[in-house]
Amino acid sequence: MHVARYGHGGGPILLIHGLGTSSFLWREVAPSLALANHTALAVDLFGHGESDRPYDGDYGIAAQADYVDRAFTALRVTRAVVVGCDLGAAVAMRLAAAHPDRVDSIVLVSPPDIDELPGEDVKLLQRSVRMSPLLQHRGVMGAAPLLRPVLEASVADPEAMPDRLVARYLAPFVGKDGVSQLLTLARSVRAQDLHEDELRAIRAPAMIVVGEKDRWLSIRSAERLAGMLPESRLERIEGAGRLIPEEEPDRLAELLLSFVGSV
């Protein structure tokens, strides 16, 4: 598992990306955490970014949480604040439920609706698969028709996802097996990996951060999730879509530091 470290010393904050992105998502947030005397650890989930993608690997939410638990051991980190964006928020919740000794608190950025797993963003990718005649292409053009619509719909302002940025997120899926790997990741999102009773068992303090222009997450759904968690607060970011670390990194870092300080 590839991990990008920002800073040394201070309290560790683990950053988990979502489906189709990578640790690159946190490039504008993690330095602010390091400057505030925290160690920010941005992971590439298995099958994403620079991490391994074993042909027989399990890339589901539950499996990814177990991999992150093992990464804690390898990094010699006992506990951390765990931050997850999009599907990474589901991994963070599963980690807090299955390995509570690892989690001081959790921050859920644009979390999926657990009653709708796989969510509409994943379903959009799957629909693109069925509709795209370019599926058989190899290289970046094979993955582009699949991932581009999801990335562009994940921001409120189209200028926040220019072509060069789409190309950067597509980069891990370039090559002979890139398209099939992306499809494998999408198929691995299973509703049975995360249950409401598990969420109600979480004891770590939580903060939920949502963009008011997130097309896939209603405020009502976010409020319901907040009600499931014993110690939680809900923050809304005006004018942001799903990928808040892309559109409002400074505001997100400010919220993270305020939350960590209050906890």
Protein backbone atom coordinates (compact mmCIF):
# COMPACT_ATOMS: atom_id res chain seq x y z
CA MET A 1 0.00 0.00 0.00
CA HIS A 2 1.42 3.35 -1.06
CA VAL A 3 1.32 6.07 1.60
CA ALA A 4 2.31 9.72 1.14
CA ARG A 5 3.57 11.30 4.36
CA TYR A 6 3.31 15.02 5.06
CA GLY A 7 5.15 16.21 8.16
CA HIS A 8 6.66 14.38 11.13
CA GLY A 9 5.67 14.40 14.74
CA GLY A 10 2.39 15.55 16.17
CA GLY A 11 -0.89 13.69 16.03
CA PRO A 12 -1.38 11.46 12.97
CA ILE A 13 -4.26 12.11 10.57
CA LEU A 14 -5.01 9.38 8.03
CA LEU A 15 -6.54 10.52 4.74
CA ILE A 16 -8.54 8.08 2.58
CA HIS A 17 -9.71 8.88 -0.96
CA GLY A 18 -12.70 7.43 -2.79
CA LEU A 19 -13.47 5.40 -5.90
CA GLY A 20 -11.44 6.32 -8.97
CA THR A 21 -9.23 8.86 -7.21
CA SER A 22 -6.06 8.45 -5.13
CA SER A 23 -3.93 10.07 -2.44
CA PHE A 24 -3.40 12.86 -5.00
CA LEU A 25 -6.83 14.13 -3.91
CA TRP A 26 -5.32 15.38 -0.62
CA ARG A 27 -2.37 17.31 -2.09
CA GLU A 28 -3.83 20.72 -1.10
CA VAL A 29 -5.15 19.63 2.31
CA ALA A 30 -2.32 17.53 3.77
CA PRO A 31 0.37 20.28 3.77
CA SER A 32 -1.89 22.52 5.86
CA LEU A 33 -2.24 19.72 8.41
CA ALA A 34 1.54 19.23 8.49
CA LEU A 35 2.10 22.95 9.05
CA ALA A 36 -0.25 22.72 12.02
CA ASN A 37 2.07 20.12 13.61
CA HIS A 38 0.26 16.96 12.52
CA THR A 39 1.53 14.02 10.52
CA ALA A 40 -0.78 13.59 7.54
CA LEU A 41 -0.76 10.13 5.93
CA ALA A 42 -2.55 9.94 2.59
CA VAL A 43 -3.04 6.34 1.47
CA ASP A 44 -3.71 4.84 -1.93
CA LEU A 45 -6.31 2.15 -1.32
CA PHE A 46 -5.48 -1.19 -2.90
CA GLY A 47 -6.24 -1.16 -6.60
CA HIS A 48 -5.86 2.64 -6.75
CA GLY A 49 -3.00 5.03 -7.37
CA GLU A 50 0.42 3.53 -6.76
CA SER A 51 -0.76 0.68 -4.53
CA ASP A 52 -0.73 -2.93 -5.65
CA ARG A 53 -3.65 -4.41 -7.54
CA PRO A 54 -3.46 -8.20 -7.09
CA TYR A 55 -5.53 -10.00 -9.71
CA ASP A 56 -7.39 -11.99 -7.05
CA GLY A 57 -7.64 -9.14 -4.53
CA ASP A 58 -10.78 -8.07 -2.68
CA TYR A 59 -11.35 -4.34 -3.13
CA GLY A 60 -14.58 -4.05 -1.19
CA ILE A 61 -15.21 -1.64 1.68
CA ALA A 62 -14.63 -4.23 4.41
CA ALA A 63 -11.43 -5.53 2.84
CA GLN A 64 -10.05 -2.01 2.35
CA ALA A 65 -10.67 -1.25 6.03
CA ASP A 66 -8.69 -4.36 6.99
CA TYR A 67 -5.84 -3.32 4.68
CA VAL A 68 -5.76 0.11 6.33
CA ASP A 69 -5.61 -1.58 9.74
CA ARG A 70 -2.52 -3.48 8.57
CA ALA A 71 -1.04 -0.25 7.23
CA PHE A 72 -1.30 1.21 10.74
CA THR A 73 0.90 -1.63 11.97
CA ALA A 74 3.44 -1.18 9.16
CA LEU A 75 3.59 2.58 9.79
CA ARG A 76 3.94 2.02 13.55
CA VAL A 77 0.92 4.21 14.14
CA THR A 78 -1.27 3.07 17.00
CA ARG A 79 -4.25 5.41 16.57
CA ALA A 80 -5.17 8.31 14.32
CA VAL A 81 -7.86 10.69 13.27
CA VAL A 82 -9.30 9.00 10.18
CA VAL A 83 -10.63 11.15 7.34
CA GLY A 84 -12.43 9.62 4.37
CA CYS A 85 -13.88 11.24 1.26
CA ASP A 86 -16.65 9.71 -0.84
CA LEU A 87 -16.22 5.92 -0.73
CA GLY A 88 -13.24 6.51 1.54
CA ALA A 89 -15.74 7.72 4.14
CA ALA A 90 -17.40 4.30 4.02
CA VAL A 91 -13.99 2.68 4.56
CA ALA A 92 -13.40 5.04 7.51
CA MET A 93 -16.75 4.06 9.06
CA ARG A 94 -16.04 0.37 8.61
CA LEU A 95 -12.59 0.84 10.16
CA ALA A 96 -14.08 2.66 13.16
CA ALA A 97 -16.65 -0.12 13.62
CA ALA A 98 -14.34 -3.13 13.09
CA HIS A 99 -11.12 -1.71 14.58
CA PRO A 100 -12.19 0.90 17.14
CA ASP A 101 -8.77 0.79 18.84
CA ARG A 102 -7.28 2.42 15.72
CA VAL A 103 -9.57 5.43 15.55
CA ASP A 104 -9.48 8.53 17.75
CA SER A 105 -12.16 10.28 15.70
CA ILE A 106 -13.53 10.19 12.17
CA VAL A 107 -14.26 12.84 9.58
CA LEU A 108 -16.63 11.84 6.79
CA VAL A 109 -16.35 14.05 3.73
CA SER A 110 -19.21 13.59 1.25
CA PRO A 111 -20.08 10.15 2.66
CA PRO A 112 -22.25 7.84 0.54
CA ASP A 113 -25.78 7.04 1.60
CA ILE A 114 -25.43 3.59 3.18
CA ASP A 115 -28.98 2.75 2.12
CA GLU A 116 -28.01 3.34 -1.51
CA LEU A 117 -24.74 1.41 -1.85
CA PRO A 118 -23.48 1.30 -4.52
CA GLY A 119 -24.29 5.00 -4.86
CA GLU A 120 -25.37 6.97 -7.90
CA ASP A 121 -21.77 7.90 -8.72
CA VAL A 122 -20.82 4.22 -8.95
CA LYS A 123 -23.96 3.51 -10.96
CA LEU A 124 -23.01 6.32 -13.34
CA LEU A 125 -19.67 4.64 -13.93
CA GLN A 126 -21.40 1.32 -14.49
CA ARG A 127 -23.83 2.88 -16.98
CA SER A 128 -20.89 4.41 -18.83
CA VAL A 129 -19.46 0.91 -19.15
CA ARG A 130 -22.60 -0.39 -20.81
CA MET A 131 -22.91 2.58 -23.15
CA SER A 132 -19.31 3.18 -24.15
CA PRO A 133 -18.11 1.64 -27.44
CA LEU A 134 -14.56 2.57 -26.38
CA LEU A 135 -14.50 0.01 -23.61
CA GLN A 136 -12.24 -2.30 -25.54
CA HIS A 137 -9.64 0.41 -26.12
CA ARG A 138 -6.37 0.12 -24.28
CA GLY A 139 -4.58 3.01 -22.65
CA VAL A 140 -5.99 6.21 -21.27
CA MET A 141 -8.74 6.54 -23.87
CA GLY A 142 -10.26 3.31 -22.68
CA ALA A 143 -10.77 4.57 -19.13
CA ALA A 144 -11.60 8.17 -20.02
CA PRO A 145 -15.26 7.61 -21.09
CA LEU A 146 -15.82 5.72 -17.82
CA LEU A 147 -14.17 7.93 -15.23
CA ARG A 148 -14.46 11.39 -16.79
CA PRO A 149 -18.28 11.72 -16.32
CA VAL A 150 -17.95 10.78 -12.64
CA LEU A 151 -15.11 13.24 -12.01
CA GLU A 152 -16.84 16.10 -13.82
CA ALA A 153 -20.10 15.48 -11.95
CA SER A 154 -18.23 15.43 -8.63
CA VAL A 155 -17.48 19.16 -8.68
CA ALA A 156 -19.92 22.07 -8.66
CA ASP A 157 -17.73 24.29 -10.82
CA PRO A 158 -16.57 22.70 -14.11
CA GLU A 159 -13.39 24.77 -13.93
CA ALA A 160 -12.40 22.79 -10.86
CA MET A 161 -12.00 19.67 -13.04
CA PRO A 162 -10.09 20.77 -16.18
CA ASP A 163 -8.79 18.28 -18.74
CA ARG A 164 -5.29 18.19 -17.26
CA LEU A 165 -6.71 17.23 -13.85
CA VAL A 166 -8.93 14.54 -15.34
CA ALA A 167 -5.81 13.18 -17.08
CA ARG A 168 -3.96 13.06 -13.74
CA TYR A 169 -6.73 11.03 -12.12
CA LEU A 170 -6.85 8.76 -15.16
CA ALA A 171 -3.09 8.12 -15.06
CA PRO A 172 -3.22 5.04 -12.76
CA PHE A 173 -5.63 3.39 -15.18
CA VAL A 174 -3.43 3.80 -18.26
CA GLY A 175 -2.18 0.61 -19.83
CA LYS A 176 -3.25 -2.85 -20.75
CA ASP A 177 -5.33 -3.62 -17.66
CA GLY A 178 -6.47 -0.15 -16.65
CA VAL A 179 -10.07 -0.41 -17.84
CA SER A 180 -10.64 -3.86 -16.36
CA GLN A 181 -9.16 -2.67 -13.04
CA LEU A 182 -11.53 0.29 -12.92
CA LEU A 183 -14.47 -2.03 -13.58
CA THR A 184 -13.27 -4.41 -10.88
CA LEU A 185 -13.16 -1.56 -8.37
CA ALA A 186 -16.69 -0.46 -9.28
CA ARG A 187 -18.07 -3.99 -8.95
CA SER A 188 -16.42 -4.35 -5.51
CA VAL A 189 -18.72 -1.77 -3.89
CA ARG A 190 -21.16 -3.95 -1.97
CA ALA A 191 -24.00 -2.91 0.31
CA GLN A 192 -23.37 -5.86 2.65
CA ASP A 193 -19.97 -4.45 3.66
CA LEU A 194 -21.52 -1.70 5.78
CA HIS A 195 -24.62 -2.00 7.96
CA GLU A 196 -26.56 0.50 10.03
CA ASP A 197 -26.05 -1.49 13.24
CA GLU A 198 -22.28 -1.23 12.74
CA LEU A 199 -22.52 2.54 12.44
CA ARG A 200 -24.56 2.79 15.63
CA ALA A 201 -21.80 0.83 17.40
CA ILE A 202 -19.16 3.45 16.52
CA ARG A 203 -18.02 5.35 19.61
CA ALA A 204 -15.47 7.68 18.04
CA PRO A 205 -16.47 11.36 17.78
CA ALA A 206 -17.41 12.20 14.20
CA MET A 207 -17.73 15.17 11.90
CA ILE A 208 -19.61 15.01 8.61
CA VAL A 209 -18.70 17.52 5.91
CA VAL A 210 -20.94 17.90 2.88
CA GLY A 211 -20.95 20.16 -0.15
CA GLU A 212 -24.28 21.89 -0.65
CA LYS A 213 -24.05 21.20 -4.38
CA ASP A 214 -23.25 17.49 -4.06
CA ARG A 215 -25.58 15.99 -6.64
CA TRP A 216 -25.49 12.53 -5.04
CA LEU A 217 -25.87 13.27 -1.33
CA SER A 218 -28.94 14.99 0.06
CA ILE A 219 -28.71 17.03 3.24
CA ARG A 220 -31.45 14.81 4.67
CA SER A 221 -29.26 11.74 4.13
CA ALA A 222 -26.31 13.47 5.81
CA GLU A 223 -28.50 14.47 8.76
CA ARG A 224 -29.73 10.90 9.11
CA LEU A 225 -26.13 9.63 9.16
CA ALA A 226 -25.26 12.21 11.80
CA GLY A 227 -28.14 10.90 13.90
CA MET A 228 -26.71 7.36 13.78
CA LEU A 229 -23.35 8.39 15.19
CA PRO A 230 -23.23 9.04 18.95
CA GLU A 231 -21.02 12.15 18.92
CA SER A 232 -21.28 13.95 15.61
CA ARG A 233 -21.55 17.34 14.03
CA LEU A 234 -22.54 18.29 10.50
CA GLU A 235 -20.78 20.98 8.50
CA ARG A 236 -21.96 22.29 5.13
CA ILE A 237 -19.72 23.95 2.55
CA GLU A 238 -21.52 26.33 0.28
CA GLY A 239 -20.82 26.06 -3.44
CA ALA A 240 -18.95 22.73 -3.28
CA GLY A 241 -19.78 19.40 -4.86
CA ARG A 242 -18.63 15.95 -3.84
CA LEU A 243 -14.86 16.39 -4.19
CA ILE A 244 -14.50 19.02 -1.48
CA PRO A 245 -10.69 18.53 -1.25
CA GLU A 246 -10.52 19.74 -4.87
CA GLU A 247 -12.88 22.71 -4.61
CA GLU A 248 -12.45 23.92 -1.02
CA PRO A 249 -9.16 22.50 0.36
CA ASP A 250 -8.43 25.46 2.65
CA ARG A 251 -11.90 25.44 4.16
CA LEU A 252 -11.75 21.68 4.65
CA ALA A 253 -8.33 21.88 6.33
CA GLU A 254 -9.69 24.62 8.61
CA LEU A 255 -12.63 22.42 9.61
CA LEU A 256 -10.37 19.42 10.18
CA LEU A 257 -8.01 21.32 12.45
CA SER A 258 -10.87 22.88 14.38
CA PHE A 259 -12.50 19.47 14.88
CA VAL A 260 -9.27 17.76 15.93
CA GLY A 261 -8.57 20.58 18.37
CA SER A 262 -12.02 20.39 19.92
CA VAL A 263 -11.86 16.61 20.30
